[in-house]
N, C-alpha and C. Protein backbone atom coordinates (compact mmCIF):
# COMPACT_ATOMS: atom_id res chain seq x y z
N VAL A 1 -3.46 -6.97 9.76
CA VAL A 1 -4.26 -7.91 9.02
C VAL A 1 -5.08 -8.81 9.96
N THR A 2 -4.50 -9.16 11.08
CA THR A 2 -5.18 -10.05 12.02
C THR A 2 -6.55 -9.51 12.41
N SER A 3 -6.64 -8.20 12.60
CA SER A 3 -7.92 -7.61 13.01
C SER A 3 -8.97 -7.70 11.90
N TYR A 4 -8.55 -7.92 10.68
CA TYR A 4 -9.48 -7.98 9.55
C TYR A 4 -9.87 -9.40 9.15
N LEU A 5 -9.18 -10.38 9.65
CA LEU A 5 -9.41 -11.76 9.21
C LEU A 5 -10.87 -12.19 9.28
N ASN A 6 -11.53 -11.92 10.37
CA ASN A 6 -12.92 -12.36 10.52
C ASN A 6 -13.91 -11.49 9.76
N GLU A 7 -13.45 -10.32 9.27
CA GLU A 7 -14.30 -9.45 8.47
C GLU A 7 -14.17 -9.75 6.97
N HIS A 8 -13.12 -10.45 6.59
CA HIS A 8 -12.87 -10.72 5.18
C HIS A 8 -14.03 -11.52 4.59
N PRO A 9 -14.65 -11.04 3.51
CA PRO A 9 -15.80 -11.72 2.93
C PRO A 9 -15.53 -13.18 2.54
N GLY A 10 -14.29 -13.50 2.19
CA GLY A 10 -13.95 -14.86 1.83
C GLY A 10 -13.54 -15.72 3.01
N GLY A 11 -13.54 -15.13 4.20
CA GLY A 11 -13.14 -15.84 5.40
C GLY A 11 -11.65 -15.75 5.64
N PRO A 12 -11.21 -16.09 6.84
CA PRO A 12 -9.79 -15.96 7.19
C PRO A 12 -8.87 -16.91 6.43
N ASP A 13 -9.36 -18.07 6.05
CA ASP A 13 -8.50 -19.04 5.38
C ASP A 13 -7.92 -18.52 4.07
N ASP A 14 -8.69 -17.70 3.36
CA ASP A 14 -8.20 -17.15 2.10
C ASP A 14 -6.98 -16.25 2.32
N ILE A 15 -6.92 -15.58 3.44
CA ILE A 15 -5.78 -14.72 3.76
C ILE A 15 -4.65 -15.55 4.36
N LEU A 16 -4.99 -16.42 5.29
CA LEU A 16 -3.97 -17.20 5.99
C LEU A 16 -3.19 -18.12 5.06
N GLU A 17 -3.79 -18.50 3.96
CA GLU A 17 -3.11 -19.36 2.99
C GLU A 17 -1.82 -18.72 2.49
N TYR A 18 -1.76 -17.40 2.53
CA TYR A 18 -0.59 -16.67 2.03
C TYR A 18 0.23 -16.04 3.14
N ALA A 19 0.04 -16.45 4.36
CA ALA A 19 0.79 -15.88 5.49
C ALA A 19 2.29 -16.00 5.23
N GLY A 20 2.96 -14.85 5.29
CA GLY A 20 4.41 -14.81 5.11
C GLY A 20 4.85 -14.89 3.67
N ALA A 21 3.91 -14.80 2.74
CA ALA A 21 4.25 -14.93 1.32
C ALA A 21 3.68 -13.77 0.51
N ASP A 22 4.11 -13.67 -0.72
CA ASP A 22 3.62 -12.66 -1.64
C ASP A 22 2.23 -13.10 -2.12
N ALA A 23 1.23 -12.29 -1.83
CA ALA A 23 -0.15 -12.63 -2.17
C ALA A 23 -0.66 -11.82 -3.37
N THR A 24 0.23 -11.14 -4.06
CA THR A 24 -0.19 -10.27 -5.16
C THR A 24 -0.97 -11.01 -6.23
N GLU A 25 -0.43 -12.09 -6.72
CA GLU A 25 -1.08 -12.82 -7.81
C GLU A 25 -2.47 -13.31 -7.42
N ALA A 26 -2.59 -13.84 -6.22
CA ALA A 26 -3.89 -14.33 -5.75
C ALA A 26 -4.88 -13.18 -5.60
N PHE A 27 -4.43 -12.06 -5.05
CA PHE A 27 -5.30 -10.90 -4.87
C PHE A 27 -5.80 -10.40 -6.22
N GLU A 28 -4.90 -10.29 -7.19
CA GLU A 28 -5.27 -9.79 -8.50
C GLU A 28 -6.17 -10.78 -9.25
N ALA A 29 -5.95 -12.06 -9.07
CA ALA A 29 -6.72 -13.08 -9.78
C ALA A 29 -8.20 -13.08 -9.38
N ILE A 30 -8.50 -12.67 -8.18
CA ILE A 30 -9.87 -12.67 -7.69
C ILE A 30 -10.69 -11.56 -8.32
N GLY A 31 -10.05 -10.46 -8.70
CA GLY A 31 -10.78 -9.32 -9.26
C GLY A 31 -11.47 -8.52 -8.16
N HIS A 32 -10.71 -8.12 -7.17
CA HIS A 32 -11.26 -7.38 -6.04
C HIS A 32 -11.84 -6.02 -6.46
N SER A 33 -12.82 -5.60 -5.71
CA SER A 33 -13.51 -4.32 -5.96
C SER A 33 -12.64 -3.14 -5.54
N PRO A 34 -13.02 -1.93 -5.98
CA PRO A 34 -12.30 -0.73 -5.50
C PRO A 34 -12.35 -0.61 -3.98
N LEU A 35 -13.45 -1.02 -3.35
CA LEU A 35 -13.53 -0.96 -1.89
C LEU A 35 -12.53 -1.92 -1.26
N ALA A 36 -12.38 -3.10 -1.84
CA ALA A 36 -11.40 -4.06 -1.31
C ALA A 36 -10.00 -3.49 -1.42
N ARG A 37 -9.69 -2.83 -2.52
CA ARG A 37 -8.37 -2.23 -2.70
C ARG A 37 -8.13 -1.11 -1.70
N LYS A 38 -9.17 -0.32 -1.43
CA LYS A 38 -9.06 0.75 -0.44
C LYS A 38 -8.83 0.16 0.95
N THR A 39 -9.55 -0.91 1.26
CA THR A 39 -9.38 -1.58 2.54
C THR A 39 -7.95 -2.12 2.67
N LEU A 40 -7.44 -2.68 1.61
CA LEU A 40 -6.09 -3.22 1.60
C LEU A 40 -5.05 -2.16 1.95
N ASN A 41 -5.23 -0.95 1.44
CA ASN A 41 -4.27 0.12 1.71
C ASN A 41 -4.10 0.40 3.20
N LYS A 42 -5.15 0.16 3.98
CA LYS A 42 -5.06 0.38 5.44
C LYS A 42 -4.10 -0.59 6.10
N PHE A 43 -3.84 -1.72 5.47
CA PHE A 43 -3.02 -2.76 6.08
C PHE A 43 -1.60 -2.82 5.53
N GLU A 44 -1.29 -1.98 4.56
CA GLU A 44 0.06 -1.99 4.00
C GLU A 44 1.03 -1.41 5.03
N VAL A 45 2.02 -2.20 5.38
CA VAL A 45 3.00 -1.76 6.37
C VAL A 45 4.39 -1.58 5.77
N GLY A 46 4.55 -1.96 4.53
CA GLY A 46 5.84 -1.81 3.87
C GLY A 46 5.78 -2.37 2.47
N ARG A 47 6.92 -2.34 1.81
CA ARG A 47 7.03 -2.84 0.45
C ARG A 47 7.97 -4.03 0.44
N MET A 48 7.62 -5.04 -0.32
CA MET A 48 8.49 -6.19 -0.45
C MET A 48 9.64 -5.85 -1.39
N GLN A 49 10.80 -6.38 -1.09
CA GLN A 49 11.96 -6.15 -1.93
C GLN A 49 11.64 -6.61 -3.35
N GLY A 50 11.94 -5.77 -4.32
CA GLY A 50 11.68 -6.11 -5.71
C GLY A 50 10.34 -5.60 -6.22
N ALA A 51 9.50 -5.04 -5.34
CA ALA A 51 8.21 -4.52 -5.78
C ALA A 51 8.45 -3.33 -6.70
N THR A 52 7.70 -3.26 -7.79
CA THR A 52 7.91 -2.19 -8.76
C THR A 52 6.80 -1.15 -8.76
N SER A 53 5.64 -1.45 -8.21
CA SER A 53 4.55 -0.48 -8.21
C SER A 53 4.72 0.49 -7.05
N LYS A 54 4.08 1.65 -7.20
CA LYS A 54 4.16 2.68 -6.18
C LYS A 54 3.07 2.46 -5.13
N PRO A 55 3.31 2.85 -3.87
CA PRO A 55 2.28 2.69 -2.83
C PRO A 55 0.98 3.36 -3.26
N GLY A 56 -0.13 2.70 -2.94
CA GLY A 56 -1.45 3.23 -3.25
C GLY A 56 -1.97 2.80 -4.61
N LYS A 57 -1.14 2.20 -5.44
CA LYS A 57 -1.58 1.71 -6.74
C LYS A 57 -2.22 0.34 -6.56
N SER A 58 -3.09 -0.02 -7.47
CA SER A 58 -3.83 -1.27 -7.33
C SER A 58 -2.98 -2.51 -7.54
N SER A 59 -1.81 -2.37 -8.14
CA SER A 59 -0.99 -3.55 -8.39
C SER A 59 0.13 -3.68 -7.36
N SER A 60 -0.17 -3.40 -6.12
CA SER A 60 0.81 -3.50 -5.04
C SER A 60 1.28 -4.93 -4.86
N THR A 61 2.48 -5.07 -4.34
CA THR A 61 2.96 -6.39 -3.96
C THR A 61 2.50 -6.62 -2.54
N LEU A 62 1.74 -7.66 -2.31
CA LEU A 62 1.10 -7.90 -1.03
C LEU A 62 1.79 -9.00 -0.27
N ALA A 63 1.98 -8.78 1.00
CA ALA A 63 2.52 -9.83 1.86
C ALA A 63 1.65 -9.91 3.09
N VAL A 64 1.27 -11.10 3.46
CA VAL A 64 0.48 -11.32 4.67
C VAL A 64 1.47 -11.66 5.78
N PRO A 65 1.47 -10.88 6.86
CA PRO A 65 2.41 -11.16 7.95
C PRO A 65 2.23 -12.56 8.53
N THR A 66 3.33 -13.17 8.92
CA THR A 66 3.24 -14.50 9.52
C THR A 66 2.69 -14.43 10.93
N THR A 67 2.51 -13.23 11.47
CA THR A 67 1.96 -13.09 12.82
C THR A 67 0.44 -13.21 12.83
N ALA A 68 -0.19 -13.31 11.67
CA ALA A 68 -1.64 -13.48 11.64
C ALA A 68 -2.01 -14.75 12.37
N TYR A 69 -2.92 -14.66 13.29
CA TYR A 69 -3.36 -15.77 14.12
C TYR A 69 -2.18 -16.49 14.77
N GLY A 70 -1.33 -15.73 15.41
CA GLY A 70 -0.24 -16.31 16.18
C GLY A 70 0.88 -16.88 15.33
N GLY A 71 0.94 -16.51 14.07
CA GLY A 71 2.02 -16.97 13.21
C GLY A 71 1.79 -18.33 12.61
N LEU A 72 0.64 -18.91 12.84
CA LEU A 72 0.35 -20.23 12.27
C LEU A 72 0.08 -20.11 10.79
N ARG A 73 0.60 -21.04 10.06
CA ARG A 73 0.41 -21.05 8.62
C ARG A 73 -0.20 -22.37 8.23
N LYS A 74 -1.15 -22.33 7.32
CA LYS A 74 -1.81 -23.57 6.88
C LYS A 74 -0.84 -24.45 6.12
């Protein structure tokens, strides 16, 4: 995710706000495009415990690693 922060159309702060947390609700609330969902799949490194959707589906449970920008969280 760190490599994508500066490419994110909303800027890095939108991602960093959820560092180390489940970002599913925020991601879904924005109404991301199919391209954004495809881009997201490149960064999936695992599944959060309790996630019910299957990998590659648009309703994935998203977690932003706390290592983004050196582990700093806003």
